[in-house]
């Protein structure tokens, strides 16, 4: 309304915009929460569900395995792994996909207007992008293309080759609203916790970050203009990632404090006991006394230590050991 009144003001249809004086309450964008096991049990018991939620890895795999035989499986697989918007998935054409090179160009989207589908440019300028396709997604798209060709042959002459990747049985492109409708029906049939189709895009970001993909790469994959938007809105922390981060933080702190992670023991106690000096131990002294008492008598007396500061030649040393009398002073020099 504010924008419409501003346009009327610029056109001279009104003299002022009364909506500009209205103070709107601050709103917070809801953050996606993860369907943990405890939250799933609470949902099954009470029916309470968060506004924005993402599946864990196990729930995502469970859903994709359950719908593997569905004709639109490739669309949900692509959204869950590469984070496409539903309009971008509906507007994807085979000429935009290179299965040999493993790339897909997102350059248009389909939106319903006046009761029919209209080709629109991507949501923002950064939404026009080239996304990489992994080998599994390439194989899924190849199977989907073969199935689409088989459907065209079975439909007959009335089939219209529109060139879109995801189509109805008659060849017309599938509407984004139908992707959402079929998605909700599949969730209800297979009993997985409910999420929106757009939450698969949230989940793709969460799974990519959990796999170690850099946030800048995730931003380019989603087509965001700002990495802040990617970090603040489309990221959720999976439980296993949160536990790993908690263990790494605690381990870093406990190592600095000298404690063993996961216990209350200090590091180095056993090592300190093994390395403590043994010369003061009474048992060690007893062993040394016994070893000294058993020393053979034939070994002779121990050589006397040389006084510090005195030098003597090897010759004098040998004469002193072999001929002590030769080194004795003469009788006339001896004192009584």
Protein backbone atom coordinates (compact mmCIF):
# COMPACT_ATOMS: atom_id res chain seq x y z
CA UNK A 1 0.00 0.00 0.00
CA UNK A 2 2.81 2.38 0.85
CA UNK A 3 4.40 1.84 -2.56
CA UNK A 4 1.06 2.35 -4.34
CA UNK A 5 0.40 5.60 -2.49
CA UNK A 6 3.93 6.82 -3.26
CA UNK A 7 3.30 6.14 -6.94
CA UNK A 8 0.02 8.03 -6.76
CA UNK A 9 1.79 10.89 -5.01
CA UNK A 10 4.39 11.12 -7.77
CA UNK A 11 1.64 11.06 -10.38
CA UNK A 12 -0.17 13.93 -8.66
CA UNK A 13 -3.27 11.89 -7.84
CA UNK A 14 -2.96 12.49 -4.09
CA UNK A 15 -1.44 15.30 -2.09
CA UNK A 16 0.18 13.17 0.60
CA UNK A 17 0.84 9.59 1.56
CA UNK A 18 -0.84 8.84 4.90
CA UNK A 19 0.81 5.39 5.05
CA UNK A 20 4.22 7.02 5.46
CA UNK A 21 3.19 8.15 8.96
CA UNK A 22 2.33 4.64 10.14
CA UNK A 23 4.91 3.07 12.47
CA UNK A 24 5.07 -0.63 11.71
CA UNK A 25 6.17 -3.04 14.44
CA UNK A 26 9.57 -4.61 14.03
CA UNK A 27 9.48 -8.04 12.48
CA UNK A 28 12.00 -10.81 12.70
CA UNK A 29 12.68 -13.22 9.93
CA UNK A 30 12.06 -16.76 11.21
CA UNK A 31 15.10 -18.96 11.39
CA UNK A 32 14.95 -22.56 10.28
CA UNK A 33 15.14 -25.21 12.97
CA UNK A 34 16.22 -28.80 12.50
CA UNK A 35 13.83 -31.72 12.81
CA UNK A 36 15.73 -33.53 15.55
CA UNK A 37 14.47 -36.80 17.01
CA UNK A 38 13.04 -35.03 20.07
CA UNK A 39 11.23 -32.46 17.92
CA UNK A 40 9.82 -35.21 15.69
CA UNK A 41 8.43 -37.05 18.75
CA UNK A 42 6.87 -33.82 19.99
CA UNK A 43 5.30 -33.21 16.59
CA UNK A 44 3.83 -36.70 16.41
CA UNK A 45 2.40 -36.28 19.89
CA UNK A 46 1.00 -32.75 19.67
CA UNK A 47 0.97 -31.85 15.97
CA UNK A 48 2.99 -28.71 16.69
CA UNK A 49 5.40 -27.76 13.90
CA UNK A 50 7.84 -24.87 13.44
CA UNK A 51 7.21 -22.22 10.83
CA UNK A 52 10.50 -22.93 9.05
CA UNK A 53 12.24 -26.27 9.44
CA UNK A 54 14.83 -28.42 7.70
CA UNK A 55 15.36 -32.13 7.63
CA UNK A 56 18.41 -33.88 8.93
CA UNK A 57 20.57 -35.92 6.58
CA UNK A 58 18.74 -39.10 7.58
CA UNK A 59 15.29 -37.58 6.95
CA UNK A 60 16.38 -36.16 3.58
CA UNK A 61 17.70 -39.55 2.48
CA UNK A 62 14.54 -41.24 3.77
CA UNK A 63 12.31 -38.95 1.75
CA UNK A 64 14.33 -39.16 -1.46
CA UNK A 65 14.52 -42.95 -1.24
CA UNK A 66 10.77 -43.15 -0.66
CA UNK A 67 9.89 -41.09 -3.77
CA UNK A 68 12.57 -42.49 -6.08
CA UNK A 69 9.93 -43.99 -8.38
CA UNK A 70 7.93 -40.75 -8.72
CA UNK A 71 8.05 -39.00 -12.09
CA UNK A 72 9.05 -35.68 -10.46
CA UNK A 73 11.73 -37.22 -8.27
CA UNK A 74 14.49 -35.46 -10.21
CA UNK A 75 12.99 -32.04 -9.42
CA UNK A 76 12.99 -32.61 -5.67
CA UNK A 77 16.43 -34.21 -5.83
CA UNK A 78 17.78 -31.14 -7.63
CA UNK A 79 16.18 -28.72 -5.16
CA UNK A 80 17.36 -30.71 -2.14
CA UNK A 81 20.98 -30.93 -3.31
CA UNK A 82 21.54 -27.74 -5.31
CA UNK A 83 19.12 -25.36 -3.61
CA UNK A 84 17.06 -24.16 -6.60
CA UNK A 85 13.94 -22.12 -6.03
CA UNK A 86 10.75 -23.80 -7.21
CA UNK A 87 10.28 -21.24 -10.02
CA UNK A 88 13.87 -21.81 -11.14
CA UNK A 89 13.37 -25.58 -11.19
CA UNK A 90 10.13 -25.21 -13.17
CA UNK A 91 11.82 -22.86 -15.65
CA UNK A 92 14.85 -25.08 -16.27
CA UNK A 93 15.19 -26.25 -19.90
CA UNK A 94 17.25 -29.03 -21.37
CA UNK A 95 19.22 -26.51 -23.40
CA UNK A 96 20.35 -24.99 -20.09
CA UNK A 97 21.68 -28.32 -18.81
CA UNK A 98 24.97 -29.85 -19.93
CA UNK A 99 25.12 -33.37 -18.53
CA UNK A 100 28.49 -34.05 -20.13
CA UNK A 101 30.13 -31.07 -18.44
CA UNK A 102 28.01 -31.37 -15.29
CA UNK A 103 26.59 -27.83 -15.26
CA UNK A 104 23.20 -26.14 -15.32
CA UNK A 105 22.50 -22.49 -16.14
CA UNK A 106 19.80 -20.82 -14.06
CA UNK A 107 18.66 -17.89 -16.20
CA UNK A 108 14.84 -17.86 -16.05
CA UNK A 109 11.92 -18.86 -13.89
CA UNK A 110 8.23 -19.59 -14.35
CA UNK A 111 5.58 -17.69 -12.41
CA UNK A 112 1.75 -17.89 -12.65
CA UNK A 113 0.17 -14.65 -13.88
CA UNK A 114 -3.43 -14.17 -14.96
CA UNK A 115 -4.07 -17.89 -14.81
CA UNK A 116 -1.16 -18.97 -16.99
CA UNK A 117 2.58 -19.50 -16.67
CA UNK A 118 4.83 -16.61 -17.57
CA UNK A 119 8.56 -16.66 -18.18
CA UNK A 120 10.29 -14.20 -15.84
CA UNK A 121 13.90 -13.29 -15.23
CA UNK A 122 15.50 -14.63 -12.07
CA UNK A 123 14.63 -13.01 -8.76
CA UNK A 124 17.78 -10.84 -8.62
CA UNK A 125 20.73 -10.13 -10.86
CA UNK A 126 22.87 -12.52 -8.79
CA UNK A 127 20.26 -15.26 -9.23
CA UNK A 128 21.45 -15.79 -12.79
CA UNK A 129 24.18 -18.33 -12.21
CA UNK A 130 25.82 -21.56 -13.28
CA UNK A 131 25.56 -24.42 -10.82
CA UNK A 132 27.72 -27.52 -10.75
CA UNK A 133 26.08 -30.93 -10.90
CA UNK A 134 27.46 -33.89 -9.02
CA UNK A 135 27.67 -37.32 -10.62
CA UNK A 136 24.61 -38.62 -8.78
CA UNK A 137 22.46 -35.70 -9.94
CA UNK A 138 23.72 -36.16 -13.50
CA UNK A 139 22.67 -39.82 -13.39
CA UNK A 140 19.28 -38.85 -11.96
CA UNK A 141 18.72 -36.34 -14.76
CA UNK A 142 19.70 -38.87 -17.40
CA UNK A 143 17.14 -41.33 -16.04
CA UNK A 144 14.55 -38.54 -15.91
CA UNK A 145 15.18 -37.62 -19.54
CA UNK A 146 14.71 -41.25 -20.61
CA UNK A 147 11.47 -41.45 -18.66
CA UNK A 148 10.27 -38.20 -20.20
CA UNK A 149 10.92 -39.57 -23.67
CA UNK A 150 9.02 -42.75 -22.82
CA UNK A 151 6.08 -40.65 -21.59
CA UNK A 152 6.12 -38.69 -24.85
CA UNK A 153 6.02 -41.88 -26.88
CA UNK A 154 3.17 -43.23 -24.78
CA UNK A 155 1.15 -39.99 -24.99
CA UNK A 156 1.10 -39.95 -28.76
CA UNK A 157 0.55 -37.16 -31.24
CA UNK A 158 -0.87 -34.65 -28.79
CA UNK A 159 2.36 -34.45 -26.85
CA UNK A 160 3.99 -31.00 -27.01
CA UNK A 161 7.76 -30.93 -26.80
CA UNK A 162 8.23 -27.77 -24.75
CA UNK A 163 11.90 -28.35 -24.06
CA UNK A 164 11.50 -28.02 -20.29
CA UNK A 165 13.15 -30.45 -17.93
CA UNK A 166 10.13 -30.94 -15.66
CA UNK A 167 6.83 -31.26 -17.49
CA UNK A 168 3.33 -32.59 -17.19
CA UNK A 169 2.27 -35.73 -19.00
CA UNK A 170 1.31 -33.70 -22.07
CA UNK A 171 4.72 -32.02 -22.30
CA UNK A 172 3.75 -28.61 -20.92
CA UNK A 173 6.06 -27.22 -18.23
CA UNK A 174 5.04 -28.04 -14.69
CA UNK A 175 3.80 -25.09 -12.63
CA UNK A 176 5.66 -24.10 -9.44
CA UNK A 177 2.41 -24.46 -7.52
CA UNK A 178 2.03 -28.04 -8.71
CA UNK A 179 5.56 -28.82 -7.51
CA UNK A 180 4.50 -27.60 -4.08
CA UNK A 181 1.20 -29.48 -4.14
CA UNK A 182 2.79 -32.78 -5.12
CA UNK A 183 5.55 -32.26 -2.55
CA UNK A 184 3.06 -31.84 0.31
CA UNK A 185 1.14 -34.94 -0.81
CA UNK A 186 4.34 -37.01 -0.86
CA UNK A 187 5.24 -35.82 2.65
CA UNK A 188 1.82 -36.86 3.95
CA UNK A 189 1.97 -40.26 2.24
CA UNK A 190 5.43 -41.20 3.57
CA UNK A 191 4.97 -39.79 7.08
CA UNK A 192 8.07 -37.59 7.27
CA UNK A 193 7.97 -34.36 9.32
CA UNK A 194 6.32 -31.56 7.34
CA UNK A 195 8.36 -28.82 5.70
CA UNK A 196 7.73 -26.36 2.90
CA UNK A 197 9.15 -26.92 -0.55
CA UNK A 198 11.27 -23.80 -0.07
CA UNK A 199 12.67 -25.42 3.08
CA UNK A 200 14.40 -27.94 0.82
CA UNK A 201 16.47 -24.95 -0.33
CA UNK A 202 17.29 -24.19 3.32
CA UNK A 203 18.22 -27.83 3.80
CA UNK A 204 20.55 -27.80 0.79
CA UNK A 205 22.55 -24.99 2.41
CA UNK A 206 22.65 -26.74 5.77
CA UNK A 207 23.79 -30.03 4.23
CA UNK A 208 26.46 -28.28 2.15
CA UNK A 209 27.91 -26.49 5.19
CA UNK A 210 27.83 -29.72 7.19
CA UNK A 211 29.81 -31.38 4.38
CA UNK A 212 32.52 -28.71 4.73
CA UNK A 213 31.61 -26.52 1.75
CA UNK A 214 32.75 -22.92 2.19
CA UNK A 215 30.08 -20.31 2.79
CA UNK A 216 31.19 -18.30 -0.26
CA UNK A 217 30.63 -21.33 -2.48
CA UNK A 218 27.20 -21.83 -0.95
CA UNK A 219 26.38 -18.18 -1.64
CA UNK A 220 27.22 -18.62 -5.32
CA UNK A 221 25.21 -21.83 -5.46
CA UNK A 222 22.10 -20.05 -4.14
CA UNK A 223 22.61 -16.90 -6.18
CA UNK A 224 22.65 -14.53 -3.21
CA UNK A 225 24.00 -11.02 -3.57
CA UNK A 226 25.35 -10.97 -0.01
CA UNK A 227 27.05 -13.64 2.03
CA UNK A 228 25.38 -12.13 5.11
CA UNK A 229 21.98 -13.17 3.76
CA UNK A 230 23.23 -16.71 3.29
CA UNK A 231 24.67 -16.88 6.79
CA UNK A 232 21.75 -15.26 8.61
CA UNK A 233 18.76 -16.75 6.83
CA UNK A 234 19.56 -20.01 5.10
CA UNK A 235 21.85 -21.78 7.54
CA UNK A 236 20.86 -24.13 10.33
CA UNK A 237 23.15 -26.18 12.51
CA UNK A 238 22.71 -29.92 12.30
CA UNK A 239 22.96 -31.78 15.63
CA UNK A 240 26.01 -33.78 14.64
CA UNK A 241 27.81 -30.63 13.51
CA UNK A 242 26.93 -28.88 16.78
CA UNK A 243 28.21 -31.83 18.83
CA UNK A 244 31.44 -31.95 16.82
CA UNK A 245 31.98 -28.23 17.39
CA UNK A 246 31.28 -28.62 21.12
CA UNK A 247 33.77 -31.50 21.43
CA UNK A 248 36.45 -29.57 19.54
CA UNK A 249 36.00 -26.53 21.79
CA UNK A 250 36.08 -28.59 24.99
CA UNK A 251 39.13 -30.55 23.81
CA UNK A 252 41.01 -27.33 23.04
CA UNK A 253 40.21 -25.93 26.48
CA UNK A 254 40.98 -29.11 28.42
CA UNK A 255 44.29 -29.58 26.66
CA UNK A 256 45.28 -26.07 27.66
CA UNK A 257 44.27 -26.91 31.25
CA UNK A 258 46.23 -30.16 31.20
CA UNK A 259 43.21 -32.44 31.45
CA UNK A 260 42.28 -35.52 29.44
CA UNK A 261 39.17 -34.81 27.26
CA UNK A 262 36.13 -36.75 28.42
CA UNK A 263 37.47 -37.25 31.96
CA UNK A 264 38.43 -35.21 35.02
CA UNK A 265 41.99 -36.56 35.13
CA UNK A 266 44.98 -34.37 34.52
CA UNK A 267 47.48 -35.14 31.81
CA UNK A 268 50.95 -36.41 32.72
CA UNK A 269 50.26 -37.98 36.15
CA UNK A 270 51.26 -41.46 35.14
CA UNK A 271 54.15 -40.03 33.15
CA UNK A 272 55.29 -38.03 36.16
CA UNK A 273 55.22 -41.16 38.34
CA UNK A 274 57.36 -43.01 35.85
CA UNK A 275 59.86 -40.17 35.57
CA UNK A 276 60.21 -39.29 39.30
CA UNK A 277 63.80 -39.58 40.73
CA UNK A 278 64.64 -42.90 42.35
CA UNK A 279 67.81 -42.07 44.23
CA UNK A 280 65.95 -41.27 47.43
CA UNK A 281 63.82 -44.40 47.44
CA UNK A 282 64.79 -46.82 50.26
CA UNK A 283 64.35 -49.89 48.09
CA UNK A 284 66.69 -48.39 45.47
CA UNK A 285 69.28 -47.65 48.14
CA UNK A 286 69.04 -51.23 49.41
CA UNK A 287 69.57 -52.60 45.92
CA UNK A 288 72.61 -50.35 45.49
CA UNK A 289 74.09 -51.48 48.80
CA UNK A 290 73.63 -55.11 47.85
CA UNK A 291 75.21 -54.53 44.47
CA UNK A 292 78.19 -52.80 46.12
CA UNK A 293 78.64 -55.56 48.69
CA UNK A 294 78.71 -58.19 45.98
CA UNK A 295 81.43 -56.42 44.04
CA UNK A 296 84.27 -58.89 43.34
CA UNK A 297 87.44 -58.35 45.38
CA UNK A 298 89.70 -59.05 42.42
CA UNK A 299 88.69 -55.81 40.85
CA UNK A 300 91.04 -53.94 43.18
CA UNK A 301 90.57 -50.52 44.67
CA UNK A 302 88.83 -47.88 42.67
CA UNK A 303 91.13 -45.31 41.05
CA UNK A 304 91.38 -42.18 43.09
CA UNK A 305 89.87 -39.11 41.53
CA UNK A 306 92.28 -36.51 40.27
CA UNK A 307 92.23 -33.27 42.26
CA UNK A 308 90.91 -30.37 40.25
CA UNK A 309 93.40 -27.92 38.85
CA UNK A 310 96.34 -30.34 38.79
CA UNK A 311 97.77 -31.61 35.53
CA UNK A 312 100.02 -34.56 35.18
CA UNK A 313 101.51 -36.31 32.24
CA UNK A 314 100.59 -39.77 31.08
CA UNK A 315 104.12 -40.91 31.95
CA UNK A 316 103.81 -39.77 35.54
CA UNK A 317 100.39 -41.37 35.76
CA UNK A 318 101.72 -44.72 34.55
CA UNK A 319 104.79 -44.56 36.85
CA UNK A 320 102.65 -43.79 39.83
CA UNK A 321 100.43 -46.79 39.22
CA UNK A 322 103.22 -49.23 38.37
CA UNK A 323 106.26 -48.05 40.42
CA UNK A 324 105.12 -46.03 43.40
CA UNK A 325 108.66 -46.08 44.86
CA UNK A 326 110.18 -44.23 41.95
CA UNK A 327 107.97 -41.26 42.56
CA UNK A 328 108.72 -41.10 46.29
CA UNK A 329 111.04 -38.20 47.37
CA UNK A 330 114.70 -38.99 48.36
CA UNK A 331 115.50 -39.85 51.95
CA UNK A 332 117.48 -36.64 52.49
CA UNK A 333 114.43 -34.55 51.58
CA UNK A 334 112.07 -36.33 53.91
CA UNK A 335 111.28 -34.65 57.17
CA UNK A 336 111.39 -36.54 60.40
